[in-house]
Protein backbone atom coordinates (compact mmCIF):
# COMPACT_ATOMS: atom_id res chain seq x y z
CA MET A 1 1.60 18.23 -19.33
CA THR A 2 4.11 15.57 -20.13
CA TYR A 3 3.98 12.18 -18.51
CA ALA A 4 4.90 8.60 -19.29
CA ILE A 5 3.90 5.20 -18.06
CA ILE A 6 7.00 3.08 -17.55
CA GLU A 7 7.75 -0.42 -16.38
CA ALA A 8 10.45 -0.51 -13.71
CA SER A 9 11.28 -3.31 -11.27
CA GLY A 10 8.19 -5.31 -12.04
CA ARG A 11 5.71 -2.42 -11.63
CA GLN A 12 4.09 0.07 -13.92
CA LEU A 13 4.52 3.71 -12.84
CA TRP A 14 2.99 7.01 -14.05
CA VAL A 15 6.01 9.38 -14.03
CA GLU A 16 6.37 13.14 -14.59
CA PRO A 17 9.58 15.17 -14.87
CA GLY A 18 10.62 16.84 -11.59
CA ARG A 19 8.96 14.30 -9.24
CA PHE A 20 10.54 11.41 -7.33
CA TYR A 21 9.40 7.80 -7.07
CA ASP A 22 10.37 4.81 -4.95
CA ILE A 23 11.02 1.54 -6.80
CA ASN A 24 12.64 -1.74 -5.85
CA LYS A 25 16.38 -1.43 -5.36
CA ILE A 26 18.49 -1.07 -8.48
CA SER A 27 22.25 -1.07 -8.74
CA GLY A 28 24.01 2.30 -8.70
CA GLU A 29 25.26 4.92 -6.32
CA PRO A 30 23.37 8.08 -5.29
CA GLY A 31 24.01 10.74 -7.91
CA ASP A 32 24.17 8.29 -10.84
CA ILE A 33 21.94 8.80 -13.89
CA VAL A 34 19.75 5.85 -14.88
CA ARG A 35 18.10 5.46 -18.27
CA LEU A 36 14.76 3.64 -18.25
CA LYS A 37 13.92 2.20 -21.65
CA ARG A 38 10.72 0.30 -21.11
CA ILE A 39 8.23 3.08 -21.88
CA LEU A 40 4.68 1.79 -22.33
CA MET A 41 2.89 5.08 -23.06
CA LEU A 42 3.89 8.74 -23.57
CA ASN A 43 1.64 11.78 -23.40
CA ARG A 44 3.35 14.99 -24.59
CA ASP A 45 1.21 18.11 -25.24
CA ASP A 46 -1.96 15.96 -25.53
CA LYS A 47 -0.40 13.73 -28.18
CA VAL A 48 -0.55 10.16 -26.95
CA GLN A 49 1.88 7.47 -28.16
CA ILE A 50 1.21 3.89 -27.10
CA GLY A 51 3.83 1.20 -27.46
CA HIS A 52 3.24 -2.34 -28.63
CA PRO A 53 4.46 -3.30 -26.03
CA CYS A 54 7.13 -0.56 -25.64
CA LEU A 55 8.10 2.62 -27.43
CA ALA A 56 11.42 2.20 -29.23
CA ASN A 57 13.02 5.66 -29.26
CA ILE A 58 11.81 7.19 -25.96
CA ILE A 59 14.08 7.26 -22.87
CA VAL A 60 13.36 8.45 -19.34
CA GLU A 61 16.40 9.76 -17.53
CA ALA A 62 16.32 9.57 -13.74
CA LYS A 63 18.85 10.44 -11.00
CA ILE A 64 19.32 8.11 -8.03
CA LEU A 65 18.69 10.23 -4.90
CA LYS A 66 19.21 7.60 -2.26
CA HIS A 67 18.69 3.98 -1.19
CA LEU A 68 16.26 3.41 1.63
CA ARG A 69 14.11 0.75 3.20
CA GLY A 70 10.35 0.55 3.07
CA ARG A 71 8.00 0.40 6.06
CA LYS A 72 7.87 -2.82 8.00
CA VAL A 73 5.37 -5.52 7.00
CA THR A 74 4.50 -8.21 9.53
CA VAL A 75 3.87 -11.71 8.21
CA PHE A 76 1.94 -13.83 10.70
CA LYS A 77 1.01 -17.46 9.96
CA MET A 78 -1.02 -19.71 12.24
CA LYS A 79 -2.47 -23.18 11.84
CA PRO A 80 -5.48 -23.73 14.02
CA LYS A 81 -5.64 -26.82 16.20
CA LYS A 82 -1.96 -27.57 15.46
CA ASN A 83 -0.43 -25.10 17.96
CA THR A 84 1.96 -23.64 15.36
CA LYS A 85 2.58 -19.94 14.88
CA SER A 86 5.23 -18.00 13.04
CA LYS A 87 5.71 -14.28 13.02
CA GLN A 88 8.17 -12.66 10.66
CA GLY A 89 8.90 -9.06 9.64
CA HIS A 90 10.08 -7.75 6.27
CA ARG A 91 11.41 -4.41 5.02
CA GLN A 92 11.90 -3.98 1.29
CA ASP A 93 15.06 -2.31 -0.04
CA LEU A 94 14.02 0.67 -2.23
CA THR A 95 15.70 3.24 -4.46
CA ARG A 96 14.38 6.79 -4.76
CA LEU A 97 14.57 8.16 -8.31
CA LEU A 98 14.13 11.76 -9.40
CA ILE A 99 12.81 11.91 -12.96
CA GLN A 100 14.82 14.49 -14.80
CA ARG A 101 13.52 14.36 -18.35
CA ILE A 102 11.58 12.34 -20.84
CA SER A 103 13.17 12.41 -24.26
């Protein structure tokens, strides 16, 4: 089982080839190939490599499947005894990546 722990768009993700993941929106069109270079850890055939902080010669190639929006989050603020309320919604722009290979 081959997997890697990468850092992408401010988060750390456990990725495996052949699976897709949603990260914060990155530039590119659907169908483009993206190379992720911040690899923190790699496990290939039970041989673990840990970067300090990143591995230098490992690259994860991913294909952009589509751009989408996350589910809606409601932000509600209220100050008691001041009669002030504010309600606001937010939907994050996301990019769905298909991990093709770890090399």
